[in-house]
Amino acid sequence: MKVYEVVQGDSDWFICCCGNEAHYDGFFSCDSTGRIVSPTLSADWDGSLYVCYRCGRIIEQRSLEVVGITDEDALLHNTNYDWGKY
């Protein structure tokens, strides 16, 4: 059974279900699996998905809905993400 969750805030400032906010662990642009991607409108990012860096919830910016949880491969990728490389 899927649990429906919505984060608090608005499209510019999230408060995740886990309590994370932008000035704590933050949120990063991501793909549909939760992998951090460069925040450019490219094939990897559709402009609306963000991952909570604390708990791994994937958030749709416009609706504030939690649309998934980051998988283990994406968590490893995120831990080692190098902004200078992408």
N, C-alpha and C. Protein backbone atom coordinates (compact mmCIF):
# COMPACT_ATOMS: atom_id res chain seq x y z
N MET A 1 0.84 -1.18 0.00
CA MET A 1 0.00 0.00 0.00
C MET A 1 0.89 1.25 0.00
N LYS A 2 0.63 2.15 -0.92
CA LYS A 2 1.39 3.38 -1.01
C LYS A 2 0.83 4.40 -0.02
N VAL A 3 1.73 5.05 0.69
CA VAL A 3 1.32 6.08 1.64
C VAL A 3 1.44 7.43 0.95
N TYR A 4 0.40 8.22 1.02
CA TYR A 4 0.38 9.55 0.41
C TYR A 4 0.98 10.55 1.38
N GLU A 5 2.04 11.25 0.95
CA GLU A 5 2.68 12.26 1.79
C GLU A 5 2.83 13.55 1.00
N VAL A 6 2.71 14.64 1.70
CA VAL A 6 2.92 15.96 1.12
C VAL A 6 3.82 16.72 2.08
N VAL A 7 4.84 17.40 1.53
CA VAL A 7 5.72 18.20 2.37
C VAL A 7 5.07 19.55 2.63
N GLN A 8 5.50 20.22 3.67
CA GLN A 8 4.98 21.55 3.98
C GLN A 8 5.76 22.59 3.20
N GLY A 9 5.23 23.79 3.13
CA GLY A 9 5.94 24.89 2.49
C GLY A 9 5.29 25.29 1.19
N ASP A 10 6.13 25.77 0.28
CA ASP A 10 5.67 26.15 -1.05
C ASP A 10 6.74 25.74 -2.04
N SER A 11 6.58 26.12 -3.29
CA SER A 11 7.51 25.65 -4.32
C SER A 11 8.92 26.21 -4.16
N ASP A 12 9.10 27.22 -3.30
CA ASP A 12 10.42 27.80 -3.08
C ASP A 12 11.07 27.37 -1.77
N TRP A 13 10.29 26.81 -0.85
CA TRP A 13 10.84 26.44 0.46
C TRP A 13 10.10 25.22 0.98
N PHE A 14 10.83 24.10 1.10
CA PHE A 14 10.23 22.86 1.58
C PHE A 14 10.54 22.64 3.05
N ILE A 15 9.61 22.00 3.73
CA ILE A 15 9.86 21.42 5.05
C ILE A 15 9.44 19.96 4.90
N CYS A 16 10.43 19.08 4.80
CA CYS A 16 10.17 17.67 4.54
C CYS A 16 9.46 17.02 5.74
N CYS A 17 8.86 15.88 5.48
CA CYS A 17 8.21 15.09 6.53
C CYS A 17 9.19 14.70 7.63
N CYS A 18 10.48 14.62 7.31
CA CYS A 18 11.50 14.25 8.30
C CYS A 18 12.00 15.47 9.10
N GLY A 19 11.54 16.67 8.74
CA GLY A 19 11.95 17.88 9.44
C GLY A 19 13.05 18.66 8.75
N ASN A 20 13.61 18.12 7.69
CA ASN A 20 14.67 18.81 6.96
C ASN A 20 14.15 20.07 6.27
N GLU A 21 14.99 21.10 6.25
CA GLU A 21 14.71 22.32 5.52
C GLU A 21 15.95 22.69 4.73
N ALA A 22 15.81 23.65 3.84
CA ALA A 22 16.92 24.03 2.95
C ALA A 22 18.17 24.43 3.73
N HIS A 23 18.02 25.06 4.88
CA HIS A 23 19.19 25.52 5.63
C HIS A 23 19.74 24.44 6.57
N TYR A 24 19.14 23.27 6.59
CA TYR A 24 19.69 22.14 7.34
C TYR A 24 20.47 21.25 6.36
N ASP A 25 19.95 20.08 6.03
CA ASP A 25 20.64 19.19 5.09
C ASP A 25 20.35 19.55 3.63
N GLY A 26 19.23 20.19 3.39
CA GLY A 26 18.91 20.70 2.06
C GLY A 26 18.23 19.73 1.13
N PHE A 27 17.96 20.24 -0.06
CA PHE A 27 17.28 19.52 -1.14
C PHE A 27 18.08 19.75 -2.42
N PHE A 28 18.09 18.75 -3.29
CA PHE A 28 18.86 18.86 -4.52
C PHE A 28 18.03 18.42 -5.71
N SER A 29 18.27 19.02 -6.85
CA SER A 29 17.60 18.61 -8.08
C SER A 29 17.96 17.15 -8.36
N CYS A 30 16.97 16.38 -8.80
CA CYS A 30 17.21 14.94 -8.99
C CYS A 30 16.39 14.39 -10.14
N ASP A 31 16.74 13.16 -10.54
CA ASP A 31 15.93 12.46 -11.53
C ASP A 31 14.86 11.63 -10.80
N SER A 32 14.13 10.84 -11.54
CA SER A 32 13.01 10.10 -10.95
C SER A 32 13.42 9.00 -9.98
N THR A 33 14.71 8.63 -9.94
CA THR A 33 15.19 7.63 -8.99
C THR A 33 15.77 8.27 -7.73
N GLY A 34 15.90 9.61 -7.74
CA GLY A 34 16.46 10.31 -6.60
C GLY A 34 17.93 10.63 -6.74
N ARG A 35 18.53 10.32 -7.90
CA ARG A 35 19.94 10.65 -8.15
C ARG A 35 20.08 12.15 -8.36
N ILE A 36 20.99 12.78 -7.64
CA ILE A 36 21.25 14.21 -7.82
C ILE A 36 21.75 14.45 -9.23
N VAL A 37 21.18 15.45 -9.88
CA VAL A 37 21.60 15.85 -11.22
C VAL A 37 21.78 17.37 -11.22
N SER A 38 22.52 17.85 -12.19
CA SER A 38 22.74 19.28 -12.33
C SER A 38 21.39 19.98 -12.56
N PRO A 39 21.15 21.11 -11.91
CA PRO A 39 19.86 21.79 -12.03
C PRO A 39 19.72 22.59 -13.32
N THR A 40 19.88 21.93 -14.44
CA THR A 40 19.66 22.54 -15.74
C THR A 40 18.58 21.75 -16.44
N LEU A 41 17.88 22.38 -17.32
CA LEU A 41 16.82 21.69 -18.04
C LEU A 41 17.45 20.81 -19.11
N SER A 42 17.88 19.65 -18.68
CA SER A 42 18.54 18.69 -19.56
C SER A 42 17.70 17.42 -19.61
N ALA A 43 18.22 16.43 -20.27
CA ALA A 43 17.52 15.15 -20.34
C ALA A 43 17.43 14.49 -18.97
N ASP A 44 18.35 14.84 -18.05
CA ASP A 44 18.36 14.21 -16.73
C ASP A 44 17.40 14.85 -15.74
N TRP A 45 17.07 16.12 -15.92
CA TRP A 45 16.23 16.83 -14.95
C TRP A 45 15.05 17.47 -15.64
N ASP A 46 13.86 17.22 -15.13
CA ASP A 46 12.67 17.79 -15.77
C ASP A 46 12.26 19.13 -15.17
N GLY A 47 13.03 19.62 -14.20
CA GLY A 47 12.75 20.92 -13.62
C GLY A 47 11.82 20.92 -12.43
N SER A 48 11.40 19.75 -11.98
CA SER A 48 10.42 19.75 -10.89
C SER A 48 10.70 18.77 -9.76
N LEU A 49 11.68 17.90 -9.88
CA LEU A 49 11.94 16.90 -8.83
C LEU A 49 13.14 17.29 -7.98
N TYR A 50 12.96 17.13 -6.67
CA TYR A 50 14.02 17.40 -5.71
C TYR A 50 14.10 16.24 -4.73
N VAL A 51 15.30 15.95 -4.25
CA VAL A 51 15.49 14.89 -3.27
C VAL A 51 15.87 15.54 -1.93
N CYS A 52 15.27 15.05 -0.86
CA CYS A 52 15.64 15.47 0.49
C CYS A 52 16.95 14.79 0.82
N TYR A 53 17.97 15.57 1.16
CA TYR A 53 19.29 15.00 1.40
C TYR A 53 19.36 14.27 2.75
N ARG A 54 18.36 14.46 3.60
CA ARG A 54 18.34 13.77 4.90
C ARG A 54 17.69 12.40 4.80
N CYS A 55 16.52 12.31 4.21
CA CYS A 55 15.78 11.04 4.26
C CYS A 55 15.61 10.37 2.91
N GLY A 56 15.90 11.07 1.81
CA GLY A 56 15.80 10.46 0.48
C GLY A 56 14.45 10.54 -0.18
N ARG A 57 13.48 11.25 0.43
CA ARG A 57 12.19 11.39 -0.23
C ARG A 57 12.37 12.22 -1.50
N ILE A 58 11.66 11.83 -2.56
CA ILE A 58 11.68 12.56 -3.82
C ILE A 58 10.41 13.41 -3.88
N ILE A 59 10.58 14.71 -4.05
CA ILE A 59 9.48 15.66 -3.95
C ILE A 59 9.24 16.33 -5.29
N GLU A 60 7.96 16.39 -5.68
CA GLU A 60 7.56 17.11 -6.88
C GLU A 60 7.31 18.56 -6.46
N GLN A 61 8.07 19.48 -7.04
CA GLN A 61 8.08 20.87 -6.59
C GLN A 61 6.72 21.56 -6.65
N ARG A 62 5.98 21.37 -7.71
CA ARG A 62 4.73 22.12 -7.89
C ARG A 62 3.63 21.65 -6.95
N SER A 63 3.49 20.33 -6.79
CA SER A 63 2.41 19.79 -5.96
C SER A 63 2.82 19.56 -4.52
N LEU A 64 4.14 19.55 -4.24
CA LEU A 64 4.71 19.24 -2.93
C LEU A 64 4.47 17.79 -2.51
N GLU A 65 4.08 16.94 -3.45
CA GLU A 65 3.86 15.53 -3.15
C GLU A 65 5.17 14.77 -3.11
N VAL A 66 5.23 13.80 -2.20
CA VAL A 66 6.35 12.86 -2.18
C VAL A 66 6.01 11.79 -3.21
N VAL A 67 6.84 11.70 -4.25
CA VAL A 67 6.54 10.78 -5.36
C VAL A 67 7.42 9.53 -5.33
N GLY A 68 8.31 9.43 -4.35
CA GLY A 68 9.15 8.25 -4.25
C GLY A 68 10.19 8.38 -3.16
N ILE A 69 10.97 7.34 -3.02
CA ILE A 69 12.08 7.30 -2.07
C ILE A 69 13.33 6.89 -2.86
N THR A 70 14.43 7.54 -2.57
CA THR A 70 15.69 7.25 -3.26
C THR A 70 16.11 5.81 -3.04
N ASP A 71 16.52 5.14 -4.12
CA ASP A 71 16.98 3.76 -3.98
C ASP A 71 18.45 3.72 -3.56
N GLU A 72 18.94 2.54 -3.24
CA GLU A 72 20.31 2.41 -2.70
C GLU A 72 21.38 2.88 -3.67
N ASP A 73 21.22 2.59 -4.96
CA ASP A 73 22.21 3.04 -5.95
C ASP A 73 22.27 4.56 -6.00
N ALA A 74 21.11 5.20 -5.95
CA ALA A 74 21.06 6.66 -5.99
C ALA A 74 21.66 7.26 -4.72
N LEU A 75 21.43 6.62 -3.57
CA LEU A 75 22.03 7.11 -2.32
C LEU A 75 23.55 7.10 -2.40
N LEU A 76 24.12 6.04 -2.95
CA LEU A 76 25.56 5.95 -3.11
C LEU A 76 26.05 7.05 -4.07
N HIS A 77 25.35 7.22 -5.17
CA HIS A 77 25.68 8.27 -6.14
C HIS A 77 25.65 9.64 -5.47
N ASN A 78 24.62 9.90 -4.67
CA ASN A 78 24.45 11.21 -4.03
C ASN A 78 25.55 11.48 -3.01
N THR A 79 25.96 10.45 -2.30
CA THR A 79 27.01 10.60 -1.30
C THR A 79 28.33 11.01 -1.95
N ASN A 80 28.53 10.55 -3.17
CA ASN A 80 29.79 10.82 -3.87
C ASN A 80 29.66 11.84 -4.99
N TYR A 81 28.55 12.58 -5.04
CA TYR A 81 28.31 13.53 -6.13
C TYR A 81 29.34 14.67 -6.09
N ASP A 82 29.91 14.96 -7.23
CA ASP A 82 30.94 16.01 -7.35
C ASP A 82 30.40 17.10 -8.27
N TRP A 83 29.98 18.23 -7.69
CA TRP A 83 29.39 19.31 -8.47
C TRP A 83 30.33 19.83 -9.53
N GLY A 84 31.63 19.83 -9.26
CA GLY A 84 32.59 20.33 -10.24
C GLY A 84 32.73 19.44 -11.46
N LYS A 85 32.32 18.20 -11.32
CA LYS A 85 32.46 17.24 -12.40
C LYS A 85 31.30 17.30 -13.40
N TYR A 86 30.16 17.83 -12.97
CA TYR A 86 28.96 17.81 -13.83
C TYR A 86 28.56 19.17 -14.28
